Amino acid sequence: KRSRIAYSDEVRNELLGDDGNSSENQRAHLLDNTERLERSSRRLEAGYQIAVETEQIGQEMLENLSHDREKIQRARERLRETDANLGKSSRILTGMLRRIIQNRILIVVLAVIIIFTTMMAIYFSVR
């Protein structure tokens, strides 16, 4: 029973800190913990600032990507319009080429008829 009482007295002294050395140790321990807490707080604050900056940079990048997307869509639309115009002009040029060929054939046929008629007129007039 005495050993139990001695043990409980020892534990009580440890917890309550009867001696002055224990209070100095506690004070040093508290100061050390306070410094750790302050360092951790500074690290958390720095991490928060980095997160805020990263978010701002990400927002700017999203805005830039949005503007770039709009530019690409406008360029694509202009390209489609240009393609449609090129198709239309190609059909017009094909039609013009066909008419040129038809006109040349008609001129050759008319020239042959005129030459044939002239030769027949000369032949019948000489005879």
Protein backbone atom coordinates (compact mmCIF):
# COMPACT_ATOMS: atom_id res chain seq x y z
CA LYS A 1 0.00 0.00 0.00
CA ARG A 2 2.90 2.34 0.76
CA SER A 3 4.39 1.79 -2.65
CA ARG A 4 1.07 2.74 -4.19
CA ILE A 5 0.90 5.91 -2.18
CA ALA A 6 4.49 6.73 -3.06
CA TYR A 7 3.76 6.11 -6.72
CA SER A 8 0.63 8.28 -6.66
CA ASP A 9 2.56 11.05 -4.88
CA GLU A 10 5.23 10.82 -7.53
CA VAL A 11 2.67 11.03 -10.32
CA ARG A 12 0.94 13.94 -8.59
CA ASN A 13 4.22 15.80 -8.27
CA GLU A 14 4.94 15.18 -11.93
CA LEU A 15 1.55 16.43 -13.00
CA LEU A 16 1.29 19.38 -10.67
CA GLY A 17 4.95 20.25 -10.82
CA ASP A 18 5.91 21.02 -7.29
CA ASP A 19 9.47 21.89 -8.14
CA GLY A 20 10.62 25.08 -9.94
CA ASN A 21 12.61 23.16 -12.52
CA SER A 22 9.44 21.52 -13.77
CA SER A 23 7.78 24.88 -14.31
CA GLU A 24 10.79 26.06 -16.34
CA ASN A 25 10.56 22.92 -18.44
CA GLN A 26 6.87 23.48 -19.00
CA ARG A 27 7.49 27.09 -19.95
CA ALA A 28 10.22 26.09 -22.41
CA HIS A 29 7.96 23.39 -23.77
CA LEU A 30 5.10 25.90 -24.22
CA LEU A 31 7.40 28.38 -25.95
CA ASP A 32 8.64 25.64 -28.25
CA ASN A 33 5.08 24.61 -29.08
CA THR A 34 4.11 28.25 -29.66
CA GLU A 35 7.00 28.67 -32.11
CA ARG A 36 5.99 25.49 -33.92
CA LEU A 37 2.43 26.72 -34.12
CA GLU A 38 3.56 30.07 -35.53
CA ARG A 39 5.78 28.35 -38.13
CA SER A 40 2.90 26.09 -39.11
CA SER A 41 0.59 29.11 -39.37
CA ARG A 42 3.09 30.89 -41.63
CA ARG A 43 3.38 27.79 -43.81
CA LEU A 44 -0.39 27.52 -44.04
CA GLU A 45 -0.64 31.21 -44.95
CA ALA A 46 2.05 30.79 -47.64
CA GLY A 47 0.24 27.73 -48.97
CA TYR A 48 -3.02 29.65 -49.05
CA GLN A 49 -1.37 32.52 -50.97
CA ILE A 50 0.06 30.05 -53.48
CA ALA A 51 -3.38 28.47 -53.89
CA VAL A 52 -4.95 31.91 -54.49
CA GLU A 53 -2.27 32.82 -57.05
CA THR A 54 -2.69 29.46 -58.77
CA GLU A 55 -6.44 30.00 -58.95
CA GLN A 56 -5.94 33.46 -60.49
CA ILE A 57 -3.50 32.08 -63.06
CA GLY A 58 -5.91 29.26 -63.87
CA GLN A 59 -8.75 31.77 -64.33
CA GLU A 60 -6.62 33.88 -66.68
CA MET A 61 -5.68 30.78 -68.66
CA LEU A 62 -9.34 29.79 -68.98
CA GLU A 63 -10.19 33.28 -70.25
CA ASN A 64 -7.34 33.13 -72.78
CA LEU A 65 -8.47 29.70 -73.94
CA SER A 66 -12.02 31.00 -74.30
CA HIS A 67 -10.84 33.92 -76.47
CA ASP A 68 -8.67 31.58 -78.54
CA ARG A 69 -11.63 29.24 -79.04
CA GLU A 70 -13.77 32.12 -80.29
CA LYS A 71 -11.02 33.15 -82.72
CA ILE A 72 -10.70 29.58 -84.01
CA GLN A 73 -14.47 29.30 -84.46
CA ARG A 74 -14.57 32.60 -86.41
CA ALA A 75 -11.66 31.45 -88.59
CA ARG A 76 -13.39 28.12 -89.20
CA GLU A 77 -16.60 29.90 -90.22
CA ARG A 78 -14.69 32.17 -92.62
CA LEU A 79 -12.99 29.09 -94.07
CA ARG A 80 -16.38 27.45 -94.66
CA GLU A 81 -17.66 30.60 -96.37
CA THR A 82 -14.54 30.75 -98.53
CA ASP A 83 -14.93 27.08 -99.43
CA ALA A 84 -18.55 27.67 -100.43
CA ASN A 85 -17.54 30.68 -102.54
CA LEU A 86 -14.77 28.68 -104.22
CA GLY A 87 -17.24 25.91 -105.06
CA LYS A 88 -19.65 28.42 -106.57
CA SER A 89 -16.90 30.13 -108.61
CA SER A 90 -15.65 26.73 -109.80
CA ARG A 91 -19.13 25.88 -111.10
CA ILE A 92 -19.35 29.27 -112.84
CA LEU A 93 -15.94 28.80 -114.49
CA THR A 94 -16.88 25.29 -115.64
CA GLY A 95 -20.05 26.68 -117.22
CA MET A 96 -18.10 29.45 -118.94
CA LEU A 97 -15.57 26.96 -120.31
CA ARG A 98 -18.39 24.79 -121.66
CA ARG A 99 -19.94 27.81 -123.43
CA ILE A 100 -16.56 28.78 -124.92
CA ILE A 101 -16.15 25.28 -126.35
CA GLN A 102 -19.72 25.31 -127.71
CA ASN A 103 -19.13 28.72 -129.33
CA ARG A 104 -15.90 27.54 -131.00
CA ILE A 105 -17.61 24.44 -132.36
CA LEU A 106 -20.44 26.63 -133.69
CA ILE A 107 -17.95 29.01 -135.34
CA VAL A 108 -16.10 26.10 -137.00
CA VAL A 109 -19.39 24.61 -138.27
CA LEU A 110 -20.51 28.02 -139.61
CA ALA A 111 -17.11 28.54 -141.27
CA VAL A 112 -17.35 25.12 -142.94
CA ILE A 113 -20.90 25.90 -144.16
CA ILE A 114 -19.84 29.31 -145.52
CA ILE A 115 -16.81 27.84 -147.27
CA PHE A 116 -18.90 24.99 -148.70
CA THR A 117 -21.59 27.44 -149.88
CA THR A 118 -18.98 29.72 -151.44
CA MET A 119 -17.32 26.79 -153.23
CA MET A 120 -20.67 25.57 -154.51
CA ALA A 121 -21.51 29.07 -155.75
CA ILE A 122 -18.17 29.31 -157.56
CA TYR A 123 -18.56 25.83 -159.01
CA PHE A 124 -22.06 26.53 -160.36
CA SER A 125 -21.10 29.95 -161.69
CA VAL A 126 -18.07 28.60 -163.57
CA ARG A 127 -19.93 25.74 -165.11
